Every structure is written in structure tokens, then in C-alpha cells.
Amino acid sequence: MVDDSQGRFPMNFRALLPYLVSILLTVPGVALRFFPLETSPLLLALLSGMAILGASFLLTWACEVAQLDMPQALALAVVAFIAVLPEYAVDMYFTWMAGRHPESAYSHYAIANMTGANRLLIGVGWSSLVLLFVARYHRQVHLTSDKRTDIVFLGMATLYALFIAFKGTLTVWDGAILLGIYIWYMTIIARREVEDEEVGGPAAVLAMMRPRHRMLAEAALFLFAALVILCNAEPFSENLVASGKVLGVNEFLLVQWLAPIASEAPEFIVSLMFAFRGMPGLALGSLLASKLNQWTLLVGMIPGVYAASSGGISPSIPLDAHQLLEILLTAAQSFFAMALLLDLCLRTREAILLLALFCAQLLAPLYEMHFEAVFGLVHDPLRLHWIYSWVYLGLGVLWFAMHRKGLKNLRLGFRV
């Protein structure tokens, strides 16, 4: 029991039920890791994916209360880092195997997983929380002025990602620059003051504890969830690819879209809960920090892990025209999304535009042949990647021109 003299309630079974359910989700995947079973790769991918999902919820709830003990901006950065740990585990596994087997398609899977996760985060995550909040409260989503720091560093990472796409290589030096951008960002937000924030939902169980007990509980959850994710990253990744081959589905698309959905669902759900409870700034701030995290740490770690696996910093991770266009499209979407936040507000029409563009490029394989037939074009499976990349970039430049004052104010993001 926890002392309820200050309005706190006992930690009864009902309060602990979400934790128990999440732990139960991890059991089959962990058991299969130690007691392998010869069965369908689809079933194995499902069970290991469930384990990663359960562990992701545990990580998210433990991270949510971190804002009670550190600056909110730093807490959001920590939450963003740990919440996307499942995404890191899957992507780093593909990258490691790419270094071990450079002739394989693992490098393609690594880029597919990274680009899919980044585009989902903006195209679905940002837009859905805005639409949910507006539908419930009939107000637009505004960010606090301190979020200019996240926006300006996201801009720096995005511009560098565009440079990577156009130069055609992703080297350890590129990774070092992206990691340096993130370290610079962390040195600024770590110096900000602690702010009191309300914690709700399953995370409230941890928030009720005395600080010492809370930190012990968080440490236990972090350790357990991390071990579960490490145990299931390989079987989930391998069986997801194998499932695509068995079902006749392009495994690249499964890795790009299905794997990020499994690993990032808890983060999306928690952000939607924030928006539903009337805290849209915190919700969008969390996803903004996650985007910055993925666009710096995740991308920055790929060439380093590849180099460690292959045994040298040269050659760099192999990228063909398709992979480079995936990076370009992802960077272009990020460029446009950053431009939308120049005035620290994400409006309904802007959220709808983000979602519509995401859906249009996601469904491009379904209509690209008809599009080419209408205009009498020779088939090029990468043509629409180019088109949507330039649409995002063009819209971004237009928004920058329309919000020059917001662009000028981005310099305030370098202040503590």
C-alpha cells in the first residue's frame, strides 16, 4: 500500500492490471527465445512482436514519470530515447547483419525500418493527435516557446539528412555529425528547470510512490523491458522477413511499415492520451522529441554499427538509388513538418495535409501504373518518390516564406 494521506490511492489489482497484461504479452516471446519451436514464421513474428509491444508499454509508463524528477524538456528527450528503444533494437540488428553479410538485403531493411519509422511518426503520429484534440476540445495545438530548441535542432538534422541523400553515402563521419547535433541539443535542455507535471493513466501508479521506491520500480521496469526487447529483436526481425517471403508480400514493405507500427504503438498511444486529457502541447512535444531523437541518434548510429560489424570504417553502408530516395523523401517530409511548426502551432488543415501526403505516398504503388499510363510515361518505380520529395520541399519553402518571423525567432532555440 502507498500512503494516501495526500489524495493518493492504494495500489490495488485494478491499478496494476495494465502492467500485468503488458508483462503477460512478453512471456510467449521470451519463452520461445529460450525454448525454440519449429512453427510458422508468421506466428513467431506475431509472438515476438507482442513481446516487444508489451515491453514498449512498460518503458513508456516508466519514462512518463521521469518528468517529476528532471526538467520537462530533458524528461521528454529521455522518454523519446527509451520509448524508441524497440525501434533501435530492430534497426541495429538489421544494420549489424548488413555488416556481417554485405551482399545481403539487410542494409536495405535497416534503411527501410528507419525511414518508415520517421515518416509514420510525422504522417500518422503528429496529425492524429492534432485531429483528436481538435475534435474533442475545438482548439488548435500550440507548443510552448521552449520547443523552438527542438525545432531548430530538428532543422539542423534535416538539412544534413538532405545533404546525405544528395551526396549518396552514409558514413561514420555523417553519423558523428548527427550524434554531435543531438549532444548539443541535450546540453541545452539539460540545464532547464524542473517543472511540475500531472501524470495520469497507468504511469500514475509509479508517480504515487515515494521517490526512492519510484526510482527502484522504474529501474526494474527499464531492465526487464530492455532484456525482453533484446531477446526478441532478432526473432521478430528475421521472422518478419520470412513471413513476407511465405505470404508473397514484399518484405521491404513489411519491414518499413509493420515493424515500426509494432515498436512505436505505445508511444503513439501515450501521446494520444495526453491529447485526450487536454495536454496537446506535451503530446506533440513528446513526438517532436522522438522525431529529433530518431533523426539524429538512430540515423547516426547506423554507420557506426555497420562499421563495427564489418570490421572497418570503409566502405560505408551500401545504399542504392532506392534507399537514397527513401532518405530524401523522409528528409523532405521532415523539412515540411518543421516549417509547419515555425509559429509554434499545428493547425487542423496542416495536420490533414500531413496525413493526406503521407497516405498518398504510402499508397503510391497502387496507382503509379495508372498515373504513368495517363501521362504516357515509361514505368519508373521511383518516380513518385521524386515527385513527393519535391512536393514536400516546395511546400516547406513556401511555409518558410510565409512565416519569416518564425524563422527568425528560431535563433531563440539556442538559449537555455
Protein backbone atom coordinates (compact mmCIF):
# COMPACT_ATOMS: atom_id res chain seq x y z
CA MET A 1 0.00 0.00 0.00
CA VAL A 2 1.00 3.59 -0.54
CA ASP A 3 0.22 6.36 1.89
CA ASP A 4 -2.97 8.08 0.70
CA SER A 5 -2.93 10.94 3.17
CA GLN A 6 -2.39 13.40 0.31
CA GLY A 7 -5.06 12.12 -2.00
CA ARG A 8 -3.16 9.07 -3.11
CA PHE A 9 -4.92 5.76 -3.53
CA PRO A 10 -3.80 2.20 -2.76
CA MET A 11 -2.04 0.26 -5.46
CA ASN A 12 -4.79 -2.32 -5.91
CA PHE A 13 -5.08 -5.02 -8.53
CA ARG A 14 -7.00 -2.80 -10.93
CA ALA A 15 -4.25 -0.17 -10.91
CA LEU A 16 -1.62 -2.83 -11.61
CA LEU A 17 -3.64 -4.62 -14.30
CA PRO A 18 -2.06 -2.76 -17.28
CA TYR A 19 1.39 -3.77 -16.03
CA LEU A 20 0.35 -7.39 -15.58
CA VAL A 21 -1.18 -7.53 -19.06
CA SER A 22 1.96 -6.00 -20.59
CA ILE A 23 4.17 -8.50 -18.78
CA LEU A 24 1.96 -11.38 -19.94
CA LEU A 25 2.37 -10.16 -23.53
CA THR A 26 6.13 -10.63 -23.19
CA VAL A 27 6.00 -14.20 -21.86
CA PRO A 28 5.48 -16.17 -25.13
CA GLY A 29 8.22 -14.30 -26.97
CA VAL A 30 10.74 -14.72 -24.17
CA ALA A 31 9.83 -18.40 -23.76
CA LEU A 32 10.35 -19.07 -27.47
CA ARG A 33 13.75 -17.40 -27.28
CA PHE A 34 14.96 -19.98 -24.76
CA PHE A 35 12.82 -22.89 -25.95
CA PRO A 36 12.69 -22.60 -29.75
CA LEU A 37 9.69 -24.04 -31.56
CA GLU A 38 9.59 -25.10 -35.19
CA THR A 39 6.47 -23.40 -36.49
CA SER A 40 5.24 -20.78 -38.92
CA PRO A 41 7.44 -17.66 -39.17
CA LEU A 42 4.22 -15.64 -39.18
CA LEU A 43 3.32 -16.97 -35.71
CA LEU A 44 6.87 -16.42 -34.44
CA ALA A 45 6.86 -12.84 -35.76
CA LEU A 46 3.49 -12.26 -34.08
CA LEU A 47 4.62 -13.60 -30.68
CA SER A 48 7.95 -11.78 -30.69
CA GLY A 49 6.18 -8.61 -31.88
CA MET A 50 3.72 -8.94 -28.99
CA ALA A 51 6.65 -9.22 -26.58
CA ILE A 52 8.22 -6.05 -27.98
CA LEU A 53 4.82 -4.32 -27.76
CA GLY A 54 4.37 -5.29 -24.10
CA ALA A 55 7.90 -4.18 -23.24
CA SER A 56 7.32 -0.90 -25.06
CA PHE A 57 4.31 -0.10 -22.90
CA LEU A 58 6.34 -0.78 -19.74
CA LEU A 59 9.11 1.51 -20.97
CA THR A 60 6.67 4.27 -21.86
CA TRP A 61 4.92 4.25 -18.47
CA ALA A 62 8.22 4.22 -16.60
CA CYS A 63 9.53 7.08 -18.71
CA GLU A 64 6.40 9.19 -18.30
CA VAL A 65 7.06 9.76 -14.59
CA ALA A 66 10.65 10.83 -15.24
CA GLN A 67 9.41 14.39 -15.72
CA LEU A 68 8.74 14.50 -11.97
CA ASP A 69 12.45 14.40 -11.22
CA MET A 70 14.12 16.34 -14.03
CA PRO A 71 13.49 19.27 -16.39
CA GLN A 72 10.46 18.55 -18.55
CA ALA A 73 12.36 19.06 -21.79
CA LEU A 74 15.10 16.69 -20.64
CA ALA A 75 12.48 14.21 -19.45
CA LEU A 76 10.82 14.30 -22.87
CA ALA A 77 14.18 13.67 -24.51
CA VAL A 78 14.83 10.72 -22.18
CA VAL A 79 11.31 9.42 -22.78
CA ALA A 80 11.83 9.76 -26.51
CA PHE A 81 15.11 7.86 -26.36
CA ILE A 82 13.87 4.97 -24.23
CA ALA A 83 10.43 4.80 -25.84
CA VAL A 84 12.02 4.18 -29.25
CA LEU A 85 14.42 1.55 -27.86
CA PRO A 86 12.41 -1.19 -29.63
CA GLU A 87 12.87 0.66 -32.90
CA TYR A 88 16.61 0.95 -32.20
CA ALA A 89 16.89 -2.77 -31.41
CA VAL A 90 15.26 -3.85 -34.67
CA ASP A 91 17.16 -1.36 -36.82
CA MET A 92 20.51 -2.04 -35.19
CA TYR A 93 20.00 -5.78 -35.69
CA PHE A 94 19.45 -5.26 -39.42
CA THR A 95 22.48 -2.94 -39.56
CA TRP A 96 24.71 -5.39 -37.70
CA MET A 97 23.71 -8.22 -40.03
CA ALA A 98 24.33 -5.93 -43.01
CA GLY A 99 27.92 -5.50 -41.86
CA ARG A 100 28.30 -9.26 -41.44
CA HIS A 101 26.70 -10.01 -44.81
CA PRO A 102 27.27 -7.01 -47.09
CA GLU A 103 25.99 -8.94 -50.11
CA SER A 104 22.58 -9.40 -48.48
CA ALA A 105 19.49 -7.17 -48.34
CA TYR A 106 19.98 -6.36 -44.64
CA SER A 107 21.22 -2.84 -45.35
CA HIS A 108 18.03 -2.21 -47.31
CA TYR A 109 15.98 -3.45 -44.37
CA ALA A 110 17.86 -1.13 -41.99
CA ILE A 111 17.12 1.92 -44.14
CA ALA A 112 13.53 0.79 -44.71
CA ASN A 113 12.89 0.42 -40.98
CA MET A 114 14.46 3.79 -40.17
CA THR A 115 12.67 5.75 -42.91
CA GLY A 116 9.33 4.06 -42.22
CA ALA A 117 9.51 4.86 -38.52
CA ASN A 118 10.36 8.50 -39.18
CA ARG A 119 7.60 9.02 -41.74
CA LEU A 120 4.99 7.27 -39.58
CA LEU A 121 5.91 9.47 -36.63
CA ILE A 122 5.03 12.65 -38.52
CA GLY A 123 2.47 11.47 -41.05
CA VAL A 124 0.34 9.50 -38.59
CA GLY A 125 1.55 10.48 -35.09
CA TRP A 126 1.58 14.28 -35.36
CA SER A 127 -1.53 14.55 -37.48
CA SER A 128 -3.68 12.10 -35.49
CA LEU A 129 -3.07 13.76 -32.12
CA VAL A 130 -3.94 17.18 -33.59
CA LEU A 131 -7.14 15.86 -35.13
CA LEU A 132 -8.10 14.09 -31.90
CA PHE A 133 -7.52 17.19 -29.78
CA VAL A 134 -9.36 19.50 -32.16
CA ALA A 135 -12.31 17.10 -32.37
CA ARG A 136 -12.54 16.93 -28.57
CA TYR A 137 -11.67 20.49 -27.48
CA HIS A 138 -12.21 22.57 -30.66
CA ARG A 139 -8.86 24.31 -30.21
CA GLN A 140 -5.61 24.22 -32.15
CA VAL A 141 -2.44 22.62 -30.79
CA HIS A 142 0.16 25.11 -29.57
CA LEU A 143 3.71 24.46 -28.43
CA THR A 144 5.48 26.41 -25.71
CA SER A 145 8.29 28.75 -26.74
CA ASP A 146 10.99 26.42 -25.37
CA LYS A 147 10.10 23.91 -28.12
CA ARG A 148 11.94 26.17 -30.54
CA THR A 149 15.03 24.30 -29.35
CA ASP A 150 13.62 21.00 -30.62
CA ILE A 151 12.53 22.62 -33.87
CA VAL A 152 15.86 24.29 -34.62
CA PHE A 153 17.86 21.11 -33.93
CA LEU A 154 15.40 19.05 -35.96
CA GLY A 155 16.01 21.55 -38.74
CA MET A 156 19.77 21.11 -38.48
CA ALA A 157 19.46 17.31 -38.61
CA THR A 158 17.00 17.52 -41.50
CA LEU A 159 19.25 19.73 -43.62
CA TYR A 160 22.13 17.36 -43.01
CA ALA A 161 19.96 14.39 -43.96
CA LEU A 162 19.14 16.14 -47.24
CA PHE A 163 22.87 16.56 -47.78
CA ILE A 164 23.37 12.82 -47.17
CA ALA A 165 20.65 11.95 -49.69
CA PHE A 166 22.17 14.14 -52.40
CA LYS A 167 25.79 13.10 -51.82
CA GLY A 168 24.79 9.44 -51.91
CA THR A 169 26.66 7.99 -48.92
CA LEU A 170 26.09 7.45 -45.20
CA THR A 171 29.48 7.25 -43.48
CA VAL A 172 30.70 7.13 -39.89
CA TRP A 173 31.58 10.82 -40.22
CA ASP A 174 27.98 11.60 -41.09
CA GLY A 175 26.94 9.58 -38.06
CA ALA A 176 29.34 11.52 -35.85
CA ILE A 177 27.88 14.85 -37.02
CA LEU A 178 24.31 13.71 -36.35
CA LEU A 179 25.28 12.43 -32.91
CA GLY A 180 27.03 15.74 -32.26
CA ILE A 181 23.81 17.61 -33.10
CA TYR A 182 21.93 15.54 -30.54
CA ILE A 183 24.59 16.04 -27.84
CA TRP A 184 24.47 19.81 -28.45
CA TYR A 185 20.68 19.70 -28.07
CA MET A 186 20.93 17.74 -24.82
CA THR A 187 23.44 20.18 -23.29
CA ILE A 188 20.88 22.97 -23.72
CA ILE A 189 17.75 21.27 -22.42
CA ALA A 190 19.53 19.56 -19.51
CA ARG A 191 20.12 22.99 -17.93
CA ARG A 192 16.44 23.89 -17.72
CA GLU A 193 14.43 23.93 -14.52
CA VAL A 194 12.25 21.10 -13.23
CA GLU A 195 8.54 21.70 -13.83
CA ASP A 196 5.64 20.05 -12.01
CA GLU A 197 3.55 17.99 -14.39
CA GLU A 198 0.47 15.86 -13.91
CA VAL A 199 0.95 12.16 -14.59
CA GLY A 200 -2.12 10.09 -15.42
CA GLY A 201 -3.09 6.64 -16.60
CA PRO A 202 -1.04 3.56 -15.66
CA ALA A 203 2.01 5.74 -15.03
CA ALA A 204 0.21 7.26 -12.03
CA VAL A 205 0.93 4.04 -10.14
CA LEU A 206 4.63 4.88 -10.27
CA ALA A 207 4.06 8.59 -9.65
CA MET A 208 2.34 7.80 -6.33
CA MET A 209 5.43 6.14 -4.89
CA ARG A 210 7.99 7.80 -2.70
CA PRO A 211 10.95 8.97 -4.82
CA ARG A 212 13.28 6.19 -3.73
CA HIS A 213 10.74 3.43 -4.34
CA ARG A 214 9.71 5.02 -7.61
CA MET A 215 13.26 5.03 -8.94
CA LEU A 216 13.72 1.38 -7.95
CA ALA A 217 10.49 0.43 -9.71
CA GLU A 218 11.49 2.38 -12.80
CA ALA A 219 14.92 0.73 -12.86
CA ALA A 220 13.31 -2.71 -12.63
CA LEU A 221 10.91 -1.93 -15.46
CA PHE A 222 13.68 -0.50 -17.63
CA LEU A 223 15.87 -3.55 -17.09
CA PHE A 224 13.10 -6.07 -17.67
CA ALA A 225 11.78 -4.32 -20.78
CA ALA A 226 15.26 -3.87 -22.24
CA LEU A 227 16.03 -7.58 -21.79
CA VAL A 228 12.72 -8.54 -23.41
CA ILE A 229 13.43 -6.28 -26.38
CA LEU A 230 16.96 -7.61 -26.80
CA CYS A 231 15.68 -11.18 -26.64
CA ASN A 232 13.04 -10.58 -29.30
CA ALA A 233 14.69 -8.14 -31.72
CA GLU A 234 16.36 -10.89 -33.75
CA PRO A 235 13.43 -13.35 -33.99
CA PHE A 236 10.98 -10.55 -34.74
CA SER A 237 13.20 -9.12 -37.49
CA GLU A 238 14.07 -12.44 -39.11
CA ASN A 239 10.58 -13.91 -38.93
CA LEU A 240 9.03 -10.71 -40.27
CA VAL A 241 11.22 -11.01 -43.37
CA ALA A 242 10.49 -14.74 -43.62
CA SER A 243 6.75 -14.07 -43.31
CA GLY A 244 6.90 -11.74 -46.27
CA LYS A 245 8.51 -14.46 -48.39
CA VAL A 246 5.96 -17.07 -47.25
CA LEU A 247 2.97 -14.79 -47.90
CA GLY A 248 4.32 -13.41 -51.15
CA VAL A 249 4.40 -9.88 -49.70
CA ASN A 250 7.32 -7.54 -50.33
CA GLU A 251 9.44 -7.98 -47.18
CA PHE A 252 10.89 -4.48 -47.66
CA LEU A 253 7.41 -3.01 -47.16
CA LEU A 254 6.76 -5.22 -44.11
CA VAL A 255 9.99 -4.05 -42.51
CA GLN A 256 9.31 -0.45 -43.43
CA TRP A 257 5.75 -0.20 -42.14
CA LEU A 258 4.75 -3.16 -39.96
CA ALA A 259 7.85 -3.26 -37.73
CA PRO A 260 7.66 0.46 -36.76
CA ILE A 261 3.94 0.12 -36.00
CA ALA A 262 4.70 -2.67 -33.52
CA SER A 263 7.59 -0.84 -31.86
CA GLU A 264 6.09 2.66 -31.75
CA ALA A 265 2.44 1.91 -30.95
CA PRO A 266 2.84 2.60 -27.18
CA GLU A 267 4.46 5.97 -27.88
CA PHE A 268 1.59 6.93 -30.18
CA ILE A 269 -1.00 5.76 -27.66
CA VAL A 270 0.55 7.69 -24.76
CA SER A 271 0.70 10.86 -26.87
CA LEU A 272 -2.93 10.43 -27.88
CA MET A 273 -3.82 10.00 -24.20
CA PHE A 274 -2.07 13.30 -23.41
CA ALA A 275 -4.07 14.99 -26.17
CA PHE A 276 -7.32 13.38 -24.98
CA ARG A 277 -6.67 14.67 -21.44
CA GLY A 278 -6.22 18.21 -22.75
CA MET A 279 -2.40 18.37 -22.85
CA PRO A 280 -1.72 18.60 -26.60
CA GLY A 281 1.48 20.60 -26.18
CA LEU A 282 3.00 17.85 -24.07
CA ALA A 283 1.76 15.21 -26.54
CA LEU A 284 3.19 16.95 -29.61
CA GLY A 285 6.34 17.88 -27.68
CA SER A 286 6.91 14.21 -26.92
CA LEU A 287 6.55 13.17 -30.56
CA LEU A 288 8.71 16.12 -31.65
CA ALA A 289 11.45 14.93 -29.29
CA SER A 290 11.05 11.39 -30.64
CA LYS A 291 11.42 12.64 -34.21
CA LEU A 292 14.57 14.56 -33.31
CA ASN A 293 15.87 11.50 -31.47
CA GLN A 294 15.32 9.18 -34.43
CA TRP A 295 16.65 11.66 -36.95
CA THR A 296 19.91 12.10 -35.03
CA LEU A 297 20.69 9.13 -32.78
CA LEU A 298 19.03 6.40 -34.85
CA VAL A 299 20.40 7.56 -38.19
CA GLY A 300 23.73 8.50 -36.60
CA MET A 301 24.21 5.05 -35.09
CA ILE A 302 23.60 3.12 -38.33
CA PRO A 303 27.02 3.74 -39.97
CA GLY A 304 28.83 3.19 -36.66
CA VAL A 305 27.14 -0.15 -36.02
CA TYR A 306 27.78 -1.16 -39.64
CA ALA A 307 31.46 -0.26 -39.29
CA ALA A 308 31.78 -2.21 -36.02
CA SER A 309 30.12 -5.24 -37.60
CA SER A 310 32.09 -5.15 -40.85
CA GLY A 311 35.39 -4.53 -39.06
CA GLY A 312 36.29 -1.16 -40.55
CA ILE A 313 35.01 2.33 -41.26
CA SER A 314 35.37 1.82 -45.01
CA PRO A 315 33.40 1.07 -47.07
CA SER A 316 30.28 2.81 -45.80
CA ILE A 317 26.91 1.08 -45.60
CA PRO A 318 25.81 0.28 -49.18
CA LEU A 319 22.93 2.42 -50.46
CA ASP A 320 21.35 2.12 -53.89
CA ALA A 321 19.11 4.65 -55.65
CA HIS A 322 16.00 3.33 -53.90
CA GLN A 323 17.49 3.70 -50.42
CA LEU A 324 18.78 7.20 -51.15
CA LEU A 325 15.35 8.24 -52.39
CA GLU A 326 13.78 6.82 -49.23
CA ILE A 327 16.14 9.02 -47.19
CA LEU A 328 15.39 12.02 -49.42
CA LEU A 329 11.62 11.55 -49.09
CA THR A 330 11.89 11.18 -45.32
CA ALA A 331 14.10 14.27 -45.02
CA ALA A 332 11.76 16.26 -47.27
CA GLN A 333 8.77 15.33 -45.10
CA SER A 334 10.74 16.39 -42.02
CA PHE A 335 11.63 19.70 -43.71
CA PHE A 336 7.97 20.46 -44.37
CA ALA A 337 6.87 19.37 -40.88
CA MET A 338 9.50 21.63 -39.29
CA ALA A 339 8.27 24.54 -41.42
CA LEU A 340 4.72 23.96 -40.16
CA LEU A 341 5.93 24.46 -36.57
CA LEU A 342 7.65 27.81 -37.16
CA ASP A 343 4.77 29.63 -35.47
CA LEU A 344 4.63 27.02 -32.67
CA CYS A 345 1.18 25.87 -33.78
CA LEU A 346 -0.06 22.87 -35.74
CA ARG A 347 -3.50 23.55 -37.15
CA THR A 348 -6.23 21.23 -38.37
CA ARG A 349 -5.68 21.95 -42.07
CA GLU A 350 -1.94 21.40 -41.65
CA ALA A 351 -2.48 18.08 -39.86
CA ILE A 352 -4.86 16.98 -42.62
CA LEU A 353 -2.26 17.96 -45.23
CA LEU A 354 0.45 15.94 -43.44
CA LEU A 355 -1.82 12.91 -43.23
CA ALA A 356 -3.02 13.22 -46.83
CA LEU A 357 0.51 13.48 -48.23
CA PHE A 358 1.64 10.53 -46.11
CA CYS A 359 -1.26 8.37 -47.31
CA ALA A 360 -0.69 9.44 -50.92
CA GLN A 361 2.97 8.40 -50.93
CA LEU A 362 2.24 5.25 -48.89
CA LEU A 363 -0.37 4.08 -51.40
CA ALA A 364 1.67 5.13 -54.44
CA PRO A 365 2.36 1.51 -55.56
CA LEU A 366 -1.41 1.04 -56.01
CA TYR A 367 -1.82 3.83 -58.56
CA GLU A 368 1.62 4.56 -60.02
CA MET A 369 0.99 2.42 -63.13
CA HIS A 370 -2.27 4.25 -63.84
CA PHE A 371 -0.56 7.61 -63.22
CA GLU A 372 2.17 6.75 -65.75
CA ALA A 373 -0.38 5.48 -68.28
CA VAL A 374 -2.38 8.73 -68.10
CA PHE A 375 0.74 10.81 -68.85
CA GLY A 376 2.28 8.28 -71.25
CA LEU A 377 5.38 7.74 -69.11
CA VAL A 378 7.74 4.79 -69.08
CA HIS A 379 7.39 2.84 -65.85
CA ASP A 380 9.75 4.01 -63.10
CA PRO A 381 9.03 2.63 -59.60
CA LEU A 382 10.93 5.55 -58.04
CA ARG A 383 9.27 8.38 -59.97
CA LEU A 384 6.64 9.14 -57.32
CA HIS A 385 9.32 9.16 -54.61
CA TRP A 386 10.93 12.02 -56.50
CA ILE A 387 7.63 13.80 -57.03
CA TYR A 388 6.54 13.63 -53.39
CA SER A 389 10.00 14.64 -52.21
CA TRP A 390 9.84 17.82 -54.29
CA VAL A 391 6.24 18.46 -53.19
CA TYR A 392 7.34 18.34 -49.54
CA LEU A 393 10.37 20.54 -50.22
CA GLY A 394 8.35 23.03 -52.24
CA LEU A 395 5.67 23.31 -49.56
CA GLY A 396 8.37 23.70 -46.93
CA VAL A 397 9.97 26.61 -48.79
CA LEU A 398 6.50 28.18 -49.21
CA TRP A 399 5.80 27.92 -45.47
CA PHE A 400 9.21 29.38 -44.63
CA ALA A 401 8.45 32.34 -46.89
CA MET A 402 5.05 32.81 -45.24
CA HIS A 403 6.47 32.67 -41.70
CA ARG A 404 9.72 34.60 -41.95
CA LYS A 405 9.27 35.97 -38.44
CA GLY A 406 9.04 32.45 -37.05
CA LEU A 407 12.18 31.51 -38.94
CA LYS A 408 14.00 34.50 -37.45
CA ASN A 409 12.83 33.54 -33.95
CA LEU A 410 14.36 30.07 -34.26
CA ARG A 411 17.60 31.57 -33.00
CA LEU A 412 15.94 31.68 -29.58
CA GLY A 413 16.07 27.89 -29.60
CA PHE A 414 19.79 28.04 -28.76
CA ARG A 415 19.04 29.67 -25.40
CA VAL A 416 18.63 27.79 -22.15
